[in-house]
Protein backbone atom coordinates (compact mmCIF):
# COMPACT_ATOMS: atom_id res chain seq x y z
CA MET A 1 -0.01 0.14 0.05
CA MET A 2 1.41 3.40 -0.93
CA THR A 3 2.05 5.92 1.85
CA ASP A 4 -0.76 8.41 0.54
CA GLU A 5 -3.24 5.53 0.52
CA LEU A 6 -2.41 4.31 3.96
CA GLN A 7 -2.57 7.83 5.38
CA ARG A 8 -5.93 8.15 3.80
CA GLN A 9 -7.16 4.92 5.16
CA ILE A 10 -5.85 5.58 8.62
CA ALA A 11 -7.56 9.00 8.63
CA GLU A 12 -10.90 7.39 7.56
CA GLN A 13 -10.79 4.70 10.37
CA LEU A 14 -9.28 6.72 13.03
CA THR A 15 -11.37 7.11 16.16
CA ASP A 16 -10.41 9.22 19.36
CA ASP A 17 -9.60 6.06 21.28
CA ASP A 18 -7.25 4.54 18.71
CA THR A 19 -3.70 4.49 20.12
CA PHE A 20 -1.99 1.66 18.24
CA ILE A 21 -1.52 0.27 14.83
CA ALA A 22 -1.22 -3.38 13.99
CA TRP A 23 0.06 -4.10 10.46
CA LEU A 24 1.09 -6.88 8.27
CA GLU A 25 4.08 -6.49 5.83
CA PRO A 26 3.42 -8.09 2.53
CA GLY A 27 4.23 -11.80 2.77
CA ALA A 28 4.65 -11.65 6.58
CA SER A 29 2.73 -13.93 8.95
CA GLU A 30 3.40 -12.15 12.12
CA GLU A 31 1.74 -8.79 12.61
CA ARG A 32 3.77 -5.78 14.02
CA ILE A 33 2.27 -3.36 16.59
CA GLU A 34 3.49 0.25 17.28
CA LEU A 35 2.04 3.35 18.80
CA LEU A 36 0.09 5.05 16.07
CA ASP A 37 1.61 8.47 16.48
CA TYR A 38 5.12 7.02 16.38
CA PHE A 39 4.10 5.02 13.44
CA GLN A 40 2.80 8.13 11.44
CA ARG A 41 5.77 10.17 12.28
CA ARG A 42 8.67 7.70 11.88
CA LEU A 43 7.71 4.59 10.10
CA ILE A 44 5.00 5.33 7.69
CA ASN A 45 7.56 5.96 4.94
CA GLU A 46 9.90 3.03 5.78
CA VAL A 47 7.62 -0.04 5.94
CA SER A 48 5.55 -1.74 3.54
CA VAL A 49 1.94 -2.38 4.63
CA ALA A 50 -0.34 -5.04 3.19
CA SER A 51 -3.15 -4.72 5.81
CA PHE A 52 -3.58 -2.85 9.12
CA THR A 53 -5.88 -2.44 12.15
CA LEU A 54 -6.08 0.31 14.48
CA LEU A 55 -6.34 -0.65 18.18
CA ASP A 56 -7.47 1.19 21.37
CA MET A 57 -6.17 0.46 24.81
CA GLU A 58 -8.59 -2.28 25.58
CA GLN A 59 -8.09 -4.02 22.31
CA MET A 60 -4.32 -3.96 22.91
CA TRP A 61 -4.96 -5.34 26.41
CA GLN A 62 -6.68 -8.19 24.97
CA ARG A 63 -3.85 -8.87 22.49
CA LEU A 64 -1.46 -8.80 25.58
CA LEU A 65 -3.70 -11.45 27.37
CA GLN A 66 -3.81 -13.80 24.29
CA LEU A 67 0.01 -13.92 24.33
CA ASN A 68 -0.10 -15.91 27.65
CA GLY A 69 3.13 -14.56 28.78
CA GLY A 70 2.39 -14.63 32.40
CA GLU A 71 -0.40 -13.72 34.77
CA PHE A 72 -1.67 -10.09 34.11
CA SER A 73 -4.13 -8.00 36.11
CA ARG A 74 -5.23 -4.43 36.21
CA VAL A 75 -5.69 -2.72 39.53
CA TRP A 76 -6.11 1.03 40.86
CA ARG A 77 -3.42 2.25 43.19
CA LYS A 78 -3.56 5.87 44.43
CA LYS A 79 -6.01 6.94 41.69
CA VAL A 80 -3.74 5.29 38.96
CA GLU A 81 -4.60 2.20 36.84
CA VAL A 82 -1.61 -0.19 37.02
CA ILE A 83 -0.82 -3.41 35.20
CA ASP A 84 0.68 -6.25 37.41
CA TRP A 85 2.43 -8.92 35.72
CA VAL A 86 3.22 -12.14 37.64
CA ILE A 87 6.19 -13.87 35.90
CA PRO A 88 7.07 -17.32 36.96
CA GLN A 89 10.77 -17.93 37.82
CA ALA A 90 12.88 -21.05 37.00
CA ASP A 91 13.15 -21.66 40.79
CA GLY A 92 9.46 -22.12 41.05
CA LYS A 93 8.85 -18.76 42.72
CA SER A 94 7.33 -15.69 40.93
CA CYS A 95 7.98 -12.04 40.88
CA THR A 96 5.46 -9.27 40.12
CA ARG A 97 6.34 -6.35 38.00
CA SER A 98 3.91 -3.29 37.84
CA CYS A 99 3.61 -0.47 35.47
CA CYS A 100 1.01 2.24 34.74
CA PHE A 101 -1.70 1.39 32.39
CA ARG A 102 -0.59 3.67 29.61
CA ALA A 103 0.06 3.07 25.91
CA GLU A 104 3.72 3.09 26.41
CA GLY A 105 3.81 0.69 29.16
CA LEU A 106 1.40 -1.67 27.57
CA LEU A 107 3.22 -1.79 24.49
CA ALA A 108 6.68 -2.28 26.39
CA ILE A 109 5.16 -5.37 28.14
CA TYR A 110 3.57 -6.73 24.90
CA GLU A 111 7.02 -6.48 23.15
CA GLU A 112 8.86 -8.02 26.00
CA VAL A 113 6.34 -11.03 26.30
CA LEU A 114 6.46 -11.39 22.43
CA ALA A 115 10.44 -11.37 22.52
CA ALA A 116 10.38 -14.09 25.04
CA ARG A 117 8.26 -16.60 23.15
């Protein structure tokens, strides 16, 4: 898809809640996901896109849960929504990592879980 066509289609589909873009490159079987604003500023001219989907925070959260990279939960602490990620350790114990439920944190966890697969 040419850059102008891609920009037009993104603009047509974009809602106020969309934060991420998931896309497939021609011939690829694994989709890539990035923050939408970063994609539009830095990547749109550098990648080939066969198809794409815009995602909001909840849709991205569901994608993270589907990876089965540990046990995830969302909790509120001091008026801030937080992701808790329980990670099993080799010694049978587990550790819990936490980060704010924001786009950057959600994508960072998603990428870390994906890389560990």
